[in-house]
Each structure stands twice: as C-alpha cells, then as structure tokens.
Amino acid sequence: MGKKEKCVICSEIVGFHFKGMEEWGIEGTLCGKCYSKKIDKHYPGDHVRVNKHLD
C-alpha cells in the first residue's frame, strides 16, 4: 500500500486531495476541511459551506 499524504496545513491524512489556488501561495496537498476554510476566506459573501459546524 502507498504512503498516505498529509495536509500541508493541519497534517491530517488526506482522503480526497485538493490543490490550493496560486493566490494562496500554498505548495502541496490540502484536505477537504482546510480547502473549504481557504475557499470561504477567499470568496467571502453569501454561499453555503457544508459541514461548517464540524470545524
């Protein structure tokens, strides 16, 4: 079995891989929770962020 990647922000094992936007200046893989937080900060306004209560 291959080595599991870890999120570059929180170090949790990544189940589904996300790549950060160039504007964020983040190199490496993000987990869904950290990606969602970054998207929420990058695109403020009225949009639905699912499972926000789990932060």
PDB file of N, CA and C in Angstrom:
ATOM      1  N   MET A   1       0.845  -1.178   0.000  1.00  0.00           N
ATOM      2  CA  MET A   1       0.000   0.000   0.000  1.00  0.00           C
ATOM      3  C   MET A   1       0.889   1.239   0.000  1.00  0.00           C
ATOM      4  N   GLY A   2       0.472   2.296  -0.713  1.00  0.00           N
ATOM      5  CA  GLY A   2       1.253   3.519  -0.823  1.00  0.00           C
ATOM      6  C   GLY A   2       1.170   4.376   0.428  1.00  0.00           C
ATOM      7  N   LYS A   3       2.102   5.295   0.533  1.00  0.00           N
ATOM      8  CA  LYS A   3       2.146   6.213   1.661  1.00  0.00           C
ATOM      9  C   LYS A   3       1.018   7.226   1.541  1.00  0.00           C
ATOM     10  N   LYS A   4       0.317   7.455   2.638  1.00  0.00           N
ATOM     11  CA  LYS A   4      -0.770   8.428   2.657  1.00  0.00           C
ATOM     12  C   LYS A   4      -0.196   9.836   2.767  1.00  0.00           C
ATOM     13  N   GLU A   5      -0.748  10.748   1.980  1.00  0.00           N
ATOM     14  CA  GLU A   5      -0.317  12.140   2.041  1.00  0.00           C
ATOM     15  C   GLU A   5      -0.979  12.830   3.224  1.00  0.00           C
ATOM     16  N   LYS A   6      -0.311  13.854   3.736  1.00  0.00           N
ATOM     17  CA  LYS A   6      -0.859  14.652   4.824  1.00  0.00           C
ATOM     18  C   LYS A   6      -1.101  16.068   4.325  1.00  0.00           C
ATOM     19  N   CYS A   7      -2.101  16.698   4.890  1.00  0.00           N
ATOM     20  CA  CYS A   7      -2.439  18.080   4.573  1.00  0.00           C
ATOM     21  C   CYS A   7      -1.292  18.982   5.017  1.00  0.00           C
ATOM     22  N   VAL A   8      -0.915  19.930   4.159  1.00  0.00           N
ATOM     23  CA  VAL A   8       0.195  20.834   4.476  1.00  0.00           C
ATOM     24  C   VAL A   8      -0.189  21.863   5.547  1.00  0.00           C
ATOM     25  N   ILE A   9      -1.467  22.009   5.848  1.00  0.00           N
ATOM     26  CA  ILE A   9      -1.896  22.971   6.862  1.00  0.00           C
ATOM     27  C   ILE A   9      -2.107  22.297   8.215  1.00  0.00           C
ATOM     28  N   CYS A  10      -2.904  21.222   8.258  1.00  0.00           N
ATOM     29  CA  CYS A  10      -3.264  20.615   9.543  1.00  0.00           C
ATOM     30  C   CYS A  10      -2.579  19.269   9.805  1.00  0.00           C
ATOM     31  N   SER A  11      -1.891  18.721   8.822  1.00  0.00           N
ATOM     32  CA  SER A  11      -1.163  17.445   8.935  1.00  0.00           C
ATOM     33  C   SER A  11      -2.057  16.210   9.084  1.00  0.00           C
ATOM     34  N   GLU A  12      -3.354  16.361   8.848  1.00  0.00           N
ATOM     35  CA  GLU A  12      -4.251  15.202   8.845  1.00  0.00           C
ATOM     36  C   GLU A  12      -4.034  14.399   7.569  1.00  0.00           C
ATOM     37  N   ILE A  13      -4.276  13.103   7.623  1.00  0.00           N
ATOM     38  CA  ILE A  13      -4.171  12.271   6.420  1.00  0.00           C
ATOM     39  C   ILE A  13      -5.264  12.686   5.447  1.00  0.00           C
ATOM     40  N   VAL A  14      -4.883  12.886   4.195  1.00  0.00           N
ATOM     41  CA  VAL A  14      -5.792  13.379   3.163  1.00  0.00           C
ATOM     42  C   VAL A  14      -6.511  12.212   2.501  1.00  0.00           C
ATOM     43  N   GLY A  15      -7.856  12.271   2.515  1.00  0.00           N
ATOM     44  CA  GLY A  15      -8.655  11.255   1.844  1.00  0.00           C
ATOM     45  C   GLY A  15      -8.900  11.651   0.393  1.00  0.00           C
ATOM     46  N   PHE A  16      -9.308  12.882   0.189  1.00  0.00           N
ATOM     47  CA  PHE A  16      -9.555  13.428  -1.142  1.00  0.00           C
ATOM     48  C   PHE A  16      -8.642  14.625  -1.301  1.00  0.00           C
ATOM     49  N   HIS A  17      -7.823  14.617  -2.319  1.00  0.00           N
ATOM     50  CA  HIS A  17      -6.771  15.613  -2.499  1.00  0.00           C
ATOM     51  C   HIS A  17      -7.282  16.899  -3.133  1.00  0.00           C
ATOM     52  N   PHE A  18      -6.865  18.022  -2.558  1.00  0.00           N
ATOM     53  CA  PHE A  18      -7.168  19.335  -3.103  1.00  0.00           C
ATOM     54  C   PHE A  18      -5.868  20.090  -3.283  1.00  0.00           C
ATOM     55  N   LYS A  19      -5.802  20.904  -4.324  1.00  0.00           N
ATOM     56  CA  LYS A  19      -4.646  21.747  -4.577  1.00  0.00           C
ATOM     57  C   LYS A  19      -5.061  23.194  -4.340  1.00  0.00           C
ATOM     58  N   GLY A  20      -4.244  23.934  -3.602  1.00  0.00           N
ATOM     59  CA  GLY A  20      -4.558  25.318  -3.305  1.00  0.00           C
ATOM     60  C   GLY A  20      -4.430  26.214  -4.531  1.00  0.00           C
ATOM     61  N   MET A  21      -5.137  27.322  -4.495  1.00  0.00           N
ATOM     62  CA  MET A  21      -5.071  28.294  -5.581  1.00  0.00           C
ATOM     63  C   MET A  21      -3.713  28.986  -5.551  1.00  0.00           C
ATOM     64  N   GLU A  22      -3.230  29.425  -6.685  1.00  0.00           N
ATOM     65  CA  GLU A  22      -1.939  30.114  -6.773  1.00  0.00           C
ATOM     66  C   GLU A  22      -1.887  31.326  -5.847  1.00  0.00           C
ATOM     67  N   GLU A  23      -2.995  32.033  -5.726  1.00  0.00           N
ATOM     68  CA  GLU A  23      -3.060  33.232  -4.895  1.00  0.00           C
ATOM     69  C   GLU A  23      -2.776  32.950  -3.423  1.00  0.00           C
ATOM     70  N   TRP A  24      -3.014  31.719  -2.999  1.00  0.00           N
ATOM     71  CA  TRP A  24      -2.819  31.353  -1.596  1.00  0.00           C
ATOM     72  C   TRP A  24      -1.347  31.143  -1.262  1.00  0.00           C
ATOM     73  N   GLY A  25      -0.531  30.842  -2.267  1.00  0.00           N
ATOM     74  CA  GLY A  25       0.889  30.606  -2.026  1.00  0.00           C
ATOM     75  C   GLY A  25       1.165  29.350  -1.225  1.00  0.00           C
ATOM     76  N   ILE A  26       0.329  28.333  -1.383  1.00  0.00           N
ATOM     77  CA  ILE A  26       0.481  27.072  -0.648  1.00  0.00           C
ATOM     78  C   ILE A  26       0.937  25.989  -1.609  1.00  0.00           C
ATOM     79  N   GLU A  27       2.046  25.352  -1.290  1.00  0.00           N
ATOM     80  CA  GLU A  27       2.556  24.239  -2.094  1.00  0.00           C
ATOM     81  C   GLU A  27       2.211  22.936  -1.388  1.00  0.00           C
ATOM     82  N   GLY A  28       1.596  22.027  -2.091  1.00  0.00           N
ATOM     83  CA  GLY A  28       1.277  20.723  -1.518  1.00  0.00           C
ATOM     84  C   GLY A  28      -0.212  20.459  -1.508  1.00  0.00           C
ATOM     85  N   THR A  29      -0.569  19.350  -0.893  1.00  0.00           N
ATOM     86  CA  THR A  29      -1.941  18.864  -0.871  1.00  0.00           C
ATOM     87  C   THR A  29      -2.686  19.364   0.356  1.00  0.00           C
ATOM     88  N   LEU A  30      -3.948  19.725   0.149  1.00  0.00           N
ATOM     89  CA  LEU A  30      -4.823  20.150   1.236  1.00  0.00           C
ATOM     90  C   LEU A  30      -5.918  19.115   1.450  1.00  0.00           C
ATOM     91  N   CYS A  31      -6.361  18.971   2.703  1.00  0.00           N
ATOM     92  CA  CYS A  31      -7.526  18.127   2.989  1.00  0.00           C
ATOM     93  C   CYS A  31      -8.779  18.951   2.671  1.00  0.00           C
ATOM     94  N   GLY A  32      -9.906  18.309   2.619  1.00  0.00           N
ATOM     95  CA  GLY A  32     -11.157  18.983   2.293  1.00  0.00           C
ATOM     96  C   GLY A  32     -11.529  20.068   3.281  1.00  0.00           C
ATOM     97  N   LYS A  33     -11.276  19.833   4.569  1.00  0.00           N
ATOM     98  CA  LYS A  33     -11.635  20.809   5.599  1.00  0.00           C
ATOM     99  C   LYS A  33     -10.817  22.093   5.433  1.00  0.00           C
ATOM    100  N   CYS A  34      -9.518  21.962   5.245  1.00  0.00           N
ATOM    101  CA  CYS A  34      -8.659  23.145   5.087  1.00  0.00           C
ATOM    102  C   CYS A  34      -8.942  23.858   3.775  1.00  0.00           C
ATOM    103  N   TYR A  35      -9.195  23.106   2.716  1.00  0.00           N
ATOM    104  CA  TYR A  35      -9.528  23.709   1.427  1.00  0.00           C
ATOM    105  C   TYR A  35     -10.821  24.517   1.548  1.00  0.00           C
ATOM    106  N   SER A  36     -11.800  23.950   2.230  1.00  0.00           N
ATOM    107  CA  SER A  36     -13.076  24.630   2.413  1.00  0.00           C
ATOM    108  C   SER A  36     -12.904  25.927   3.198  1.00  0.00           C
ATOM    109  N   LYS A  37     -12.063  25.903   4.226  1.00  0.00           N
ATOM    110  CA  LYS A  37     -11.808  27.113   5.010  1.00  0.00           C
ATOM    111  C   LYS A  37     -11.142  28.184   4.157  1.00  0.00           C
ATOM    112  N   LYS A  38     -10.179  27.778   3.327  1.00  0.00           N
ATOM    113  CA  LYS A  38      -9.480  28.735   2.463  1.00  0.00           C
ATOM    114  C   LYS A  38     -10.428  29.325   1.420  1.00  0.00           C
ATOM    115  N   ILE A  39     -11.262  28.503   0.830  1.00  0.00           N
ATOM    116  CA  ILE A  39     -12.236  28.984  -0.155  1.00  0.00           C
ATOM    117  C   ILE A  39     -13.181  29.975   0.496  1.00  0.00           C
ATOM    118  N   ASP A  40     -13.617  29.670   1.707  1.00  0.00           N
ATOM    119  CA  ASP A  40     -14.537  30.537   2.435  1.00  0.00           C
ATOM    120  C   ASP A  40     -13.917  31.916   2.671  1.00  0.00           C
ATOM    121  N   LYS A  41     -12.623  31.970   2.977  1.00  0.00           N
ATOM    122  CA  LYS A  41     -11.937  33.251   3.190  1.00  0.00           C
ATOM    123  C   LYS A  41     -11.653  33.961   1.872  1.00  0.00           C
ATOM    124  N   HIS A  42     -11.355  33.198   0.831  1.00  0.00           N
ATOM    125  CA  HIS A  42     -11.007  33.779  -0.461  1.00  0.00           C
ATOM    126  C   HIS A  42     -12.220  34.360  -1.188  1.00  0.00           C
ATOM    127  N   TYR A  43     -13.368  33.712  -1.036  1.00  0.00           N
ATOM    128  CA  TYR A  43     -14.606  34.160  -1.683  1.00  0.00           C
ATOM    129  C   TYR A  43     -15.649  34.489  -0.625  1.00  0.00           C
ATOM    130  N   PRO A  44     -15.475  35.600   0.095  1.00  0.00           N
ATOM    131  CA  PRO A  44     -16.468  35.955   1.111  1.00  0.00           C
ATOM    132  C   PRO A  44     -17.795  36.326   0.460  1.00  0.00           C
ATOM    133  N   GLY A  45     -18.839  36.140   1.200  1.00  0.00           N
ATOM    134  CA  GLY A  45     -20.155  36.502   0.686  1.00  0.00           C
ATOM    135  C   GLY A  45     -21.175  35.449   1.027  1.00  0.00           C
ATOM    136  N   ASP A  46     -22.270  35.463   0.306  1.00  0.00           N
ATOM    137  CA  ASP A  46     -23.357  34.533   0.566  1.00  0.00           C
ATOM    138  C   ASP A  46     -23.191  33.268  -0.252  1.00  0.00           C
ATOM    139  N   HIS A  47     -22.607  32.263   0.355  1.00  0.00           N
ATOM    140  CA  HIS A  47     -22.540  30.946  -0.255  1.00  0.00           C
ATOM    141  C   HIS A  47     -22.622  29.921   0.866  1.00  0.00           C
ATOM    142  N   VAL A  48     -23.039  28.740   0.536  1.00  0.00           N
ATOM    143  CA  VAL A  48     -23.238  27.698   1.533  1.00  0.00           C
ATOM    144  C   VAL A  48     -21.984  26.854   1.644  1.00  0.00           C
ATOM    145  N   ARG A  49     -21.461  26.755   2.843  1.00  0.00           N
ATOM    146  CA  ARG A  49     -20.316  25.893   3.108  1.00  0.00           C
ATOM    147  C   ARG A  49     -20.829  24.741   3.949  1.00  0.00           C
ATOM    148  N   VAL A  50     -20.876  23.551   3.381  1.00  0.00           N
ATOM    149  CA  VAL A  50     -21.420  22.399   4.080  1.00  0.00           C
ATOM    150  C   VAL A  50     -20.514  21.954   5.209  1.00  0.00           C
ATOM    151  N   ASN A  51     -21.103  21.418   6.241  1.00  0.00           N
ATOM    152  CA  ASN A  51     -20.405  20.876   7.418  1.00  0.00           C
ATOM    153  C   ASN A  51     -19.540  21.901   8.132  1.00  0.00           C
ATOM    154  N   LYS A  52     -19.873  23.181   8.025  1.00  0.00           N
ATOM    155  CA  LYS A  52     -19.094  24.221   8.686  1.00  0.00           C
ATOM    156  C   LYS A  52     -19.106  24.027  10.208  1.00  0.00           C
ATOM    157  N   HIS A  53     -20.154  23.437  10.707  1.00  0.00           N
ATOM    158  CA  HIS A  53     -20.278  23.196  12.146  1.00  0.00           C
ATOM    159  C   HIS A  53     -19.249  22.188  12.672  1.00  0.00           C
ATOM    160  N   LEU A  54     -18.582  21.465  11.787  1.00  0.00           N
ATOM    161  CA  LEU A  54     -17.596  20.467  12.203  1.00  0.00           C
ATOM    162  C   LEU A  54     -16.205  21.053  12.427  1.00  0.00           C
ATOM    163  N   ASP A  55     -16.000  22.329  12.127  1.00  0.00           N
ATOM    164  CA  ASP A  55     -14.693  22.968  12.307  1.00  0.00           C
ATOM    165  C   ASP A  55     -14.277  22.996  13.765  1.00  0.00           C
TER     166      ASP A  55
END
